[in-house]
Amino acid sequence: MTTRRTFLTQAAAGTAALALPLPAFAQQAAPSVLAKQEVNVTSRYQPGEIVIVPGAYFLYYVTAPGRALRYGIAVAKPGWGWKGTATIRRKVEWPTWRPTDEMIDGNPSTYGKYKGNDERMPGGPGNPLGARAMYLYQGGNDTYIRIHGTTEPRSIGRAASSGCFRMLNENVIDLYNQVPIGTKVTVL
């Protein structure tokens, strides 16, 4: 017969073996948990890979077998999320930005000036993509999903974006400086 204690012990052992956090159910993770940290990860992922766990608000950059840098992130609002495997094919410092057609149609009072043209917001401290952006491609096609900085640091640890993964600007600069073009990104 399985007791509560046996169940909890087995569940804890299974979680420890996974080494990546299970999805978080809280609205926002604690700021101290979201700070950049070096952590253990499963050996399933190779050094140089990025693994994103949206439900836990973490991005992992695997630095050595079983080790990674973990960064807190903001993720997509419900219904806007993306999962899969992609490759970083482009990296930009202080990127320009244009809202997607879905964003323009969904929020015309904010983004209406972009309707029917190719206008872009110039890069800089006021740009929503922040200090750096890494562009995810799948099979040679742009997914329109980015790992980027933010002008809204309070969004880290929340489901707040229109699909991209936001990081604090100091963290996205740190990651940007470490990862080359061609880096594999897995979003669970």
C-alpha atoms as a PDB file:
ATOM      1  CA  MET A   1       0.000   0.000   0.000  1.00  0.00           C
ATOM      2  CA  THR A   2       1.301   3.420  -0.937  1.00  0.00           C
ATOM      3  CA  THR A   3       1.286   5.860   1.945  1.00  0.00           C
ATOM      4  CA  ARG A   4       1.370   9.642   1.621  1.00  0.00           C
ATOM      5  CA  ARG A   5       4.989   9.616   2.821  1.00  0.00           C
ATOM      6  CA  THR A   6       5.992   6.995   0.226  1.00  0.00           C
ATOM      7  CA  PHE A   7       4.233   8.924  -2.521  1.00  0.00           C
ATOM      8  CA  LEU A   8       5.913  12.213  -1.566  1.00  0.00           C
ATOM      9  CA  THR A   9       9.340  10.561  -1.264  1.00  0.00           C
ATOM     10  CA  GLN A  10       8.991   8.943  -4.691  1.00  0.00           C
ATOM     11  CA  ALA A  11       7.714  12.168  -6.235  1.00  0.00           C
ATOM     12  CA  ALA A  12      10.634  14.131  -4.778  1.00  0.00           C
ATOM     13  CA  ALA A  13      13.127  11.556  -6.058  1.00  0.00           C
ATOM     14  CA  GLY A  14      11.593  11.744  -9.529  1.00  0.00           C
ATOM     15  CA  THR A  15      11.796  15.520  -9.542  1.00  0.00           C
ATOM     16  CA  ALA A  16      15.438  15.466  -8.427  1.00  0.00           C
ATOM     17  CA  ALA A  17      16.297  13.062 -11.239  1.00  0.00           C
ATOM     18  CA  LEU A  18      14.665  15.363 -13.783  1.00  0.00           C
ATOM     19  CA  ALA A  19      16.812  18.272 -12.598  1.00  0.00           C
ATOM     20  CA  LEU A  20      14.694  20.761 -14.513  1.00  0.00           C
ATOM     21  CA  PRO A  21      11.844  22.348 -12.568  1.00  0.00           C
ATOM     22  CA  LEU A  22       8.291  21.199 -13.023  1.00  0.00           C
ATOM     23  CA  PRO A  23       5.897  23.883 -14.241  1.00  0.00           C
ATOM     24  CA  ALA A  24       5.165  26.537 -11.661  1.00  0.00           C
ATOM     25  CA  PHE A  25       1.563  27.179 -10.780  1.00  0.00           C
ATOM     26  CA  ALA A  26       2.091  30.546  -9.092  1.00  0.00           C
ATOM     27  CA  GLN A  27       1.204  33.761 -10.912  1.00  0.00           C
ATOM     28  CA  GLN A  28       4.760  35.041 -10.486  1.00  0.00           C
ATOM     29  CA  ALA A  29       7.934  33.456  -9.146  1.00  0.00           C
ATOM     30  CA  ALA A  30       9.876  35.142  -6.333  1.00  0.00           C
ATOM     31  CA  PRO A  31      12.500  37.636  -7.618  1.00  0.00           C
ATOM     32  CA  SER A  32      15.347  35.878  -5.770  1.00  0.00           C
ATOM     33  CA  VAL A  33      14.511  32.620  -7.550  1.00  0.00           C
ATOM     34  CA  LEU A  34      14.547  34.378 -10.917  1.00  0.00           C
ATOM     35  CA  ALA A  35      18.073  35.763 -10.484  1.00  0.00           C
ATOM     36  CA  LYS A  36      20.857  34.270 -12.611  1.00  0.00           C
ATOM     37  CA  GLN A  37      22.190  31.136 -10.913  1.00  0.00           C
ATOM     38  CA  GLU A  38      24.467  28.220 -11.729  1.00  0.00           C
ATOM     39  CA  VAL A  39      22.476  24.995 -11.308  1.00  0.00           C
ATOM     40  CA  ASN A  40      22.585  21.249 -11.976  1.00  0.00           C
ATOM     41  CA  VAL A  41      20.673  19.930 -14.986  1.00  0.00           C
ATOM     42  CA  THR A  42      20.047  16.553 -16.521  1.00  0.00           C
ATOM     43  CA  SER A  43      22.844  15.228 -18.725  1.00  0.00           C
ATOM     44  CA  ARG A  44      20.297  14.804 -21.532  1.00  0.00           C
ATOM     45  CA  TYR A  45      21.195  18.338 -22.665  1.00  0.00           C
ATOM     46  CA  GLN A  46      24.618  19.104 -24.100  1.00  0.00           C
ATOM     47  CA  PRO A  47      26.920  22.044 -23.346  1.00  0.00           C
ATOM     48  CA  GLY A  48      26.071  24.962 -25.601  1.00  0.00           C
ATOM     49  CA  GLU A  49      22.323  24.232 -25.749  1.00  0.00           C
ATOM     50  CA  ILE A  50      19.555  26.457 -24.427  1.00  0.00           C
ATOM     51  CA  VAL A  51      16.557  24.825 -22.761  1.00  0.00           C
ATOM     52  CA  ILE A  52      13.493  26.920 -21.914  1.00  0.00           C
ATOM     53  CA  VAL A  53      10.861  25.778 -19.409  1.00  0.00           C
ATOM     54  CA  PRO A  54       8.036  28.315 -19.842  1.00  0.00           C
ATOM     55  CA  GLY A  55       5.847  26.938 -17.039  1.00  0.00           C
ATOM     56  CA  ALA A  56       8.644  27.545 -14.538  1.00  0.00           C
ATOM     57  CA  TYR A  57       9.783  30.902 -16.045  1.00  0.00           C
ATOM     58  CA  PHE A  58      13.360  29.705 -16.608  1.00  0.00           C
ATOM     59  CA  LEU A  59      15.866  29.617 -19.439  1.00  0.00           C
ATOM     60  CA  TYR A  60      18.874  27.305 -19.014  1.00  0.00           C
ATOM     61  CA  TYR A  61      22.125  27.745 -20.893  1.00  0.00           C
ATOM     62  CA  VAL A  62      24.009  24.457 -20.529  1.00  0.00           C
ATOM     63  CA  THR A  63      27.658  25.298 -19.804  1.00  0.00           C
ATOM     64  CA  ALA A  64      29.137  21.869 -18.963  1.00  0.00           C
ATOM     65  CA  PRO A  65      27.867  18.309 -18.605  1.00  0.00           C
ATOM     66  CA  GLY A  66      25.154  18.481 -15.937  1.00  0.00           C
ATOM     67  CA  ARG A  67      25.642  22.246 -15.306  1.00  0.00           C
ATOM     68  CA  ALA A  68      23.823  25.323 -16.580  1.00  0.00           C
ATOM     69  CA  LEU A  69      23.259  28.995 -16.015  1.00  0.00           C
ATOM     70  CA  ARG A  70      19.606  29.531 -15.153  1.00  0.00           C
ATOM     71  CA  TYR A  71      17.921  32.834 -15.915  1.00  0.00           C
ATOM     72  CA  GLY A  72      14.446  34.009 -14.947  1.00  0.00           C
ATOM     73  CA  ILE A  73      12.303  34.958 -17.936  1.00  0.00           C
ATOM     74  CA  ALA A  74       8.904  36.266 -18.907  1.00  0.00           C
ATOM     75  CA  VAL A  75       6.916  33.984 -21.186  1.00  0.00           C
ATOM     76  CA  ALA A  76       3.930  34.195 -23.514  1.00  0.00           C
ATOM     77  CA  LYS A  77       0.469  35.040 -22.312  1.00  0.00           C
ATOM     78  CA  PRO A  78      -1.970  32.115 -22.424  1.00  0.00           C
ATOM     79  CA  GLY A  79      -2.706  31.136 -26.002  1.00  0.00           C
ATOM     80  CA  TRP A  80       0.423  32.782 -27.439  1.00  0.00           C
ATOM     81  CA  GLY A  81       3.046  30.206 -26.408  1.00  0.00           C
ATOM     82  CA  TRP A  82       5.341  28.244 -28.690  1.00  0.00           C
ATOM     83  CA  LYS A  83       7.076  24.906 -28.074  1.00  0.00           C
ATOM     84  CA  GLY A  84       9.618  23.050 -30.119  1.00  0.00           C
ATOM     85  CA  THR A  85      13.239  23.064 -31.172  1.00  0.00           C
ATOM     86  CA  ALA A  86      14.835  25.933 -33.044  1.00  0.00           C
ATOM     87  CA  THR A  87      18.222  27.429 -33.821  1.00  0.00           C
ATOM     88  CA  ILE A  88      19.533  30.934 -33.211  1.00  0.00           C
ATOM     89  CA  ARG A  89      20.219  32.212 -36.739  1.00  0.00           C
ATOM     90  CA  ARG A  90      20.485  35.933 -36.019  1.00  0.00           C
ATOM     91  CA  LYS A  91      21.703  38.068 -33.120  1.00  0.00           C
ATOM     92  CA  VAL A  92      21.221  41.833 -32.894  1.00  0.00           C
ATOM     93  CA  GLU A  93      22.411  44.487 -30.455  1.00  0.00           C
ATOM     94  CA  TRP A  94      19.735  47.133 -29.771  1.00  0.00           C
ATOM     95  CA  PRO A  95      17.318  45.598 -32.315  1.00  0.00           C
ATOM     96  CA  THR A  96      14.576  47.431 -34.155  1.00  0.00           C
ATOM     97  CA  TRP A  97      11.052  46.150 -33.581  1.00  0.00           C
ATOM     98  CA  ARG A  98       7.700  45.923 -35.299  1.00  0.00           C
ATOM     99  CA  PRO A  99       4.571  44.426 -33.732  1.00  0.00           C
ATOM    100  CA  THR A 100       3.164  41.341 -35.429  1.00  0.00           C
ATOM    101  CA  ASP A 101      -0.028  41.624 -37.481  1.00  0.00           C
ATOM    102  CA  GLU A 102      -1.831  39.798 -34.647  1.00  0.00           C
ATOM    103  CA  MET A 103      -0.604  42.407 -32.154  1.00  0.00           C
ATOM    104  CA  ILE A 104      -1.653  45.263 -34.461  1.00  0.00           C
ATOM    105  CA  ASP A 105      -5.131  43.777 -34.987  1.00  0.00           C
ATOM    106  CA  GLY A 106      -5.533  42.857 -31.325  1.00  0.00           C
ATOM    107  CA  ASN A 107      -4.506  46.236 -29.940  1.00  0.00           C
ATOM    108  CA  PRO A 108      -5.127  48.948 -32.558  1.00  0.00           C
ATOM    109  CA  SER A 109      -5.058  51.790 -30.007  1.00  0.00           C
ATOM    110  CA  THR A 110      -1.418  50.967 -29.195  1.00  0.00           C
ATOM    111  CA  TYR A 111      -0.141  49.564 -32.499  1.00  0.00           C
ATOM    112  CA  GLY A 112      -2.497  51.052 -35.124  1.00  0.00           C
ATOM    113  CA  LYS A 113       0.199  53.295 -36.589  1.00  0.00           C
ATOM    114  CA  TYR A 114       1.941  50.138 -37.888  1.00  0.00           C
ATOM    115  CA  LYS A 115      -1.089  48.930 -39.893  1.00  0.00           C
ATOM    116  CA  GLY A 116      -0.519  48.826 -43.643  1.00  0.00           C
ATOM    117  CA  ASN A 117       3.135  49.881 -43.619  1.00  0.00           C
ATOM    118  CA  ASP A 118       6.620  48.544 -42.887  1.00  0.00           C
ATOM    119  CA  GLU A 119       7.521  51.044 -40.150  1.00  0.00           C
ATOM    120  CA  ARG A 120       9.769  49.776 -37.345  1.00  0.00           C
ATOM    121  CA  MET A 121      10.623  51.186 -33.935  1.00  0.00           C
ATOM    122  CA  PRO A 122      14.342  52.042 -33.820  1.00  0.00           C
ATOM    123  CA  GLY A 123      16.564  50.191 -31.388  1.00  0.00           C
ATOM    124  CA  GLY A 124      17.452  51.798 -28.090  1.00  0.00           C
ATOM    125  CA  PRO A 125      16.529  51.886 -24.416  1.00  0.00           C
ATOM    126  CA  GLY A 126      12.805  52.471 -25.134  1.00  0.00           C
ATOM    127  CA  ASN A 127      12.456  49.584 -27.590  1.00  0.00           C
ATOM    128  CA  PRO A 128      10.426  46.613 -26.236  1.00  0.00           C
ATOM    129  CA  LEU A 129      13.118  44.134 -27.380  1.00  0.00           C
ATOM    130  CA  GLY A 130      15.616  45.706 -25.006  1.00  0.00           C
ATOM    131  CA  ALA A 131      19.387  45.588 -25.333  1.00  0.00           C
ATOM    132  CA  ARG A 132      19.790  42.354 -27.330  1.00  0.00           C
ATOM    133  CA  ALA A 133      17.717  39.893 -29.350  1.00  0.00           C
ATOM    134  CA  MET A 134      18.363  36.351 -30.531  1.00  0.00           C
ATOM    135  CA  TYR A 135      16.104  35.218 -33.384  1.00  0.00           C
ATOM    136  CA  LEU A 136      14.831  31.639 -33.449  1.00  0.00           C
ATOM    137  CA  TYR A 137      14.567  29.775 -36.743  1.00  0.00           C
ATOM    138  CA  GLN A 138      13.150  26.346 -37.496  1.00  0.00           C
ATOM    139  CA  GLY A 139      14.039  24.575 -40.722  1.00  0.00           C
ATOM    140  CA  GLY A 140      15.469  27.810 -42.119  1.00  0.00           C
ATOM    141  CA  ASN A 141      12.248  29.751 -41.421  1.00  0.00           C
ATOM    142  CA  ASP A 142      11.882  32.558 -38.909  1.00  0.00           C
ATOM    143  CA  THR A 143       9.557  31.492 -36.084  1.00  0.00           C
ATOM    144  CA  TYR A 144       9.060  35.159 -35.072  1.00  0.00           C
ATOM    145  CA  ILE A 145       9.970  34.011 -31.568  1.00  0.00           C
ATOM    146  CA  ARG A 146      12.840  35.868 -29.919  1.00  0.00           C
ATOM    147  CA  ILE A 147      14.902  35.675 -26.772  1.00  0.00           C
ATOM    148  CA  HIS A 148      15.297  39.344 -25.948  1.00  0.00           C
ATOM    149  CA  GLY A 149      15.666  41.996 -23.285  1.00  0.00           C
ATOM    150  CA  THR A 150      12.823  44.080 -21.964  1.00  0.00           C
ATOM    151  CA  THR A 151      11.741  47.553 -20.972  1.00  0.00           C
ATOM    152  CA  GLU A 152       9.426  45.890 -18.437  1.00  0.00           C
ATOM    153  CA  PRO A 153      11.665  44.176 -15.867  1.00  0.00           C
ATOM    154  CA  ARG A 154       8.657  43.541 -13.604  1.00  0.00           C
ATOM    155  CA  SER A 155       7.308  41.143 -16.258  1.00  0.00           C
ATOM    156  CA  ILE A 156      10.072  38.610 -15.507  1.00  0.00           C
ATOM    157  CA  GLY A 157       8.487  35.595 -13.835  1.00  0.00           C
ATOM    158  CA  ARG A 158       5.142  36.191 -15.501  1.00  0.00           C
ATOM    159  CA  ALA A 159       3.186  35.192 -18.577  1.00  0.00           C
ATOM    160  CA  ALA A 160       3.335  38.636 -20.166  1.00  0.00           C
ATOM    161  CA  SER A 161       4.651  38.546 -23.741  1.00  0.00           C
ATOM    162  CA  SER A 162       3.077  38.002 -27.137  1.00  0.00           C
ATOM    163  CA  GLY A 163       5.141  34.853 -27.661  1.00  0.00           C
ATOM    164  CA  CYS A 164       8.767  35.772 -27.063  1.00  0.00           C
ATOM    165  CA  PHE A 165      10.993  35.076 -24.073  1.00  0.00           C
ATOM    166  CA  ARG A 166      11.972  38.236 -22.193  1.00  0.00           C
ATOM    167  CA  MET A 167      15.025  38.566 -19.980  1.00  0.00           C
ATOM    168  CA  LEU A 168      16.425  41.361 -17.863  1.00  0.00           C
ATOM    169  CA  ASN A 169      18.695  43.442 -20.097  1.00  0.00           C
ATOM    170  CA  GLU A 170      21.823  42.574 -18.084  1.00  0.00           C
ATOM    171  CA  ASN A 171      20.967  38.871 -18.384  1.00  0.00           C
ATOM    172  CA  VAL A 172      20.212  38.956 -22.110  1.00  0.00           C
ATOM    173  CA  ILE A 173      23.537  40.742 -22.690  1.00  0.00           C
ATOM    174  CA  ASP A 174      25.282  38.029 -20.646  1.00  0.00           C
ATOM    175  CA  LEU A 175      23.609  35.230 -22.627  1.00  0.00           C
ATOM    176  CA  TYR A 176      24.098  37.021 -25.972  1.00  0.00           C
ATOM    177  CA  ASN A 177      27.839  37.276 -25.312  1.00  0.00           C
ATOM    178  CA  GLN A 178      28.079  33.521 -24.667  1.00  0.00           C
ATOM    179  CA  VAL A 179      25.977  31.913 -27.385  1.00  0.00           C
ATOM    180  CA  PRO A 180      27.013  31.714 -31.035  1.00  0.00           C
ATOM    181  CA  ILE A 181      24.858  31.686 -34.141  1.00  0.00           C
ATOM    182  CA  GLY A 182      23.683  28.088 -34.570  1.00  0.00           C
ATOM    183  CA  THR A 183      22.872  27.483 -30.891  1.00  0.00           C
ATOM    184  CA  LYS A 184      20.122  24.893 -30.428  1.00  0.00           C
ATOM    185  CA  VAL A 185      17.124  26.087 -28.392  1.00  0.00           C
ATOM    186  CA  THR A 186      14.555  23.646 -26.984  1.00  0.00           C
ATOM    187  CA  VAL A 187      11.300  25.029 -25.588  1.00  0.00           C
ATOM    188  CA  LEU A 188       9.528  22.410 -23.460  1.00  0.00           C
END
